[in-house]
Amino acid sequence: MANNTSDSREQHWVKTRSLTIVVLILWALFGLIIPWNAGALNSISFMGFPLGYYMCVQGSLIAFVVLIWVQNWRQDAIDDEFGVGD
């Protein structure tokens, strides 16, 4: 466990910021990019549904829940690594 020095706070922030950027990019992918390209994805079938339709109504929701869980899990690990929140 690291001390709460200026350097460890900076490292904590760097890891937190990196995690947030990755999650926001993935959120934009599932929330904006995939629905925007749903027409092109409809030529592929998944579980009997056009892939674009499936990704807009089910896939994105599943991805958002998984993203929330992974972000919380990783942020807890980062906080524990730097002794934040004790």
C-alpha atoms as a PDB file:
ATOM      1  CA  MET A   1       0.000   0.000   0.000  1.00  0.00           C
ATOM      2  CA  ALA A   2       1.474   3.330  -1.021  1.00  0.00           C
ATOM      3  CA  ASN A   3       1.686   6.397   1.194  1.00  0.00           C
ATOM      4  CA  ASN A   4      -0.566   9.366   0.477  1.00  0.00           C
ATOM      5  CA  THR A   5       2.232  11.458  -0.937  1.00  0.00           C
ATOM      6  CA  SER A   6       1.920  13.824  -3.846  1.00  0.00           C
ATOM      7  CA  ASP A   7       3.526  11.241  -6.149  1.00  0.00           C
ATOM      8  CA  SER A   8       1.142   8.444  -5.169  1.00  0.00           C
ATOM      9  CA  ARG A   9      -1.873  10.763  -5.569  1.00  0.00           C
ATOM     10  CA  GLU A  10      -0.614  11.648  -9.050  1.00  0.00           C
ATOM     11  CA  GLN A  11      -0.192   7.966  -9.954  1.00  0.00           C
ATOM     12  CA  HIS A  12      -3.673   7.229  -8.588  1.00  0.00           C
ATOM     13  CA  TRP A  13      -5.121  10.009 -10.732  1.00  0.00           C
ATOM     14  CA  VAL A  14      -3.244   8.812 -13.848  1.00  0.00           C
ATOM     15  CA  LYS A  15      -4.660   5.291 -13.474  1.00  0.00           C
ATOM     16  CA  THR A  16      -8.151   6.587 -12.675  1.00  0.00           C
ATOM     17  CA  ARG A  17      -8.090   8.946 -15.668  1.00  0.00           C
ATOM     18  CA  SER A  18      -6.880   6.167 -17.992  1.00  0.00           C
ATOM     19  CA  LEU A  19      -9.646   3.848 -16.806  1.00  0.00           C
ATOM     20  CA  THR A  20     -12.236   6.593 -17.298  1.00  0.00           C
ATOM     21  CA  ILE A  21     -11.024   7.351 -20.826  1.00  0.00           C
ATOM     22  CA  VAL A  22     -11.189   3.674 -21.836  1.00  0.00           C
ATOM     23  CA  VAL A  23     -14.688   3.303 -20.373  1.00  0.00           C
ATOM     24  CA  LEU A  24     -15.910   6.477 -22.127  1.00  0.00           C
ATOM     25  CA  ILE A  25     -14.515   5.295 -25.467  1.00  0.00           C
ATOM     26  CA  LEU A  26     -16.253   1.933 -25.076  1.00  0.00           C
ATOM     27  CA  TRP A  27     -19.459   3.685 -23.951  1.00  0.00           C
ATOM     28  CA  ALA A  28     -19.355   5.858 -27.095  1.00  0.00           C
ATOM     29  CA  LEU A  29     -18.757   2.781 -29.228  1.00  0.00           C
ATOM     30  CA  PHE A  30     -21.795   0.941 -27.870  1.00  0.00           C
ATOM     31  CA  GLY A  31     -23.993   4.015 -27.412  1.00  0.00           C
ATOM     32  CA  LEU A  32     -23.248   5.989 -30.594  1.00  0.00           C
ATOM     33  CA  ILE A  33     -21.098   4.214 -33.177  1.00  0.00           C
ATOM     34  CA  ILE A  34     -22.844   0.837 -33.298  1.00  0.00           C
ATOM     35  CA  PRO A  35     -26.407   2.300 -33.448  1.00  0.00           C
ATOM     36  CA  TRP A  36     -25.229   4.746 -36.121  1.00  0.00           C
ATOM     37  CA  ASN A  37     -24.007   1.805 -38.214  1.00  0.00           C
ATOM     38  CA  ALA A  38     -26.931  -0.481 -37.417  1.00  0.00           C
ATOM     39  CA  GLY A  39     -28.090  -0.533 -41.042  1.00  0.00           C
ATOM     40  CA  ALA A  40     -24.803  -2.006 -42.219  1.00  0.00           C
ATOM     41  CA  LEU A  41     -24.780  -4.523 -39.370  1.00  0.00           C
ATOM     42  CA  ASN A  42     -28.275  -5.777 -40.254  1.00  0.00           C
ATOM     43  CA  SER A  43     -26.826  -7.921 -43.052  1.00  0.00           C
ATOM     44  CA  ILE A  44     -25.441 -10.199 -40.298  1.00  0.00           C
ATOM     45  CA  SER A  45     -27.810 -12.357 -38.245  1.00  0.00           C
ATOM     46  CA  PHE A  46     -27.394 -13.091 -34.519  1.00  0.00           C
ATOM     47  CA  MET A  47     -29.791 -15.429 -32.712  1.00  0.00           C
ATOM     48  CA  GLY A  48     -32.271 -15.002 -35.558  1.00  0.00           C
ATOM     49  CA  PHE A  49     -32.262 -11.196 -35.380  1.00  0.00           C
ATOM     50  CA  PRO A  50     -30.414  -8.705 -37.566  1.00  0.00           C
ATOM     51  CA  LEU A  51     -27.184  -7.817 -35.708  1.00  0.00           C
ATOM     52  CA  GLY A  52     -27.794  -4.055 -35.863  1.00  0.00           C
ATOM     53  CA  TYR A  53     -31.227  -4.461 -34.281  1.00  0.00           C
ATOM     54  CA  TYR A  54     -29.893  -6.852 -31.624  1.00  0.00           C
ATOM     55  CA  MET A  55     -26.998  -4.549 -30.697  1.00  0.00           C
ATOM     56  CA  CYS A  56     -29.332  -1.566 -30.329  1.00  0.00           C
ATOM     57  CA  VAL A  57     -31.963  -3.264 -28.164  1.00  0.00           C
ATOM     58  CA  GLN A  58     -30.020  -5.867 -26.179  1.00  0.00           C
ATOM     59  CA  GLY A  59     -26.304  -5.833 -26.896  1.00  0.00           C
ATOM     60  CA  SER A  60     -25.737  -2.228 -25.870  1.00  0.00           C
ATOM     61  CA  LEU A  61     -27.621  -2.712 -22.605  1.00  0.00           C
ATOM     62  CA  ILE A  62     -25.554  -5.798 -21.785  1.00  0.00           C
ATOM     63  CA  ALA A  63     -22.366  -3.930 -22.684  1.00  0.00           C
ATOM     64  CA  PHE A  64     -23.317  -0.970 -20.440  1.00  0.00           C
ATOM     65  CA  VAL A  65     -23.966  -3.211 -17.430  1.00  0.00           C
ATOM     66  CA  VAL A  66     -20.675  -5.037 -17.984  1.00  0.00           C
ATOM     67  CA  LEU A  67     -18.830  -1.704 -18.377  1.00  0.00           C
ATOM     68  CA  ILE A  68     -20.260  -0.416 -15.093  1.00  0.00           C
ATOM     69  CA  TRP A  69     -19.258  -3.600 -13.290  1.00  0.00           C
ATOM     70  CA  VAL A  70     -15.733  -3.649 -14.756  1.00  0.00           C
ATOM     71  CA  GLN A  71     -15.170   0.040 -14.044  1.00  0.00           C
ATOM     72  CA  ASN A  72     -16.221  -0.352 -10.411  1.00  0.00           C
ATOM     73  CA  TRP A  73     -14.096  -3.483 -10.000  1.00  0.00           C
ATOM     74  CA  ARG A  74     -11.004  -1.841 -11.539  1.00  0.00           C
ATOM     75  CA  GLN A  75     -11.499   1.428  -9.641  1.00  0.00           C
ATOM     76  CA  ASP A  76     -11.729  -0.469  -6.349  1.00  0.00           C
ATOM     77  CA  ALA A  77      -8.453  -2.227  -7.221  1.00  0.00           C
ATOM     78  CA  ILE A  78      -6.809   1.117  -8.052  1.00  0.00           C
ATOM     79  CA  ASP A  79      -8.093   2.665  -4.826  1.00  0.00           C
ATOM     80  CA  ASP A  80      -6.822  -0.301  -2.807  1.00  0.00           C
ATOM     81  CA  GLU A  81      -3.430  -0.120  -4.504  1.00  0.00           C
ATOM     82  CA  PHE A  82      -2.979   3.500  -3.409  1.00  0.00           C
ATOM     83  CA  GLY A  83      -4.782   3.304  -0.059  1.00  0.00           C
ATOM     84  CA  VAL A  84      -7.614   5.616  -1.058  1.00  0.00           C
ATOM     85  CA  GLY A  85     -10.979   5.338   0.657  1.00  0.00           C
ATOM     86  CA  ASP A  86      -9.778   3.615   3.816  1.00  0.00           C
END
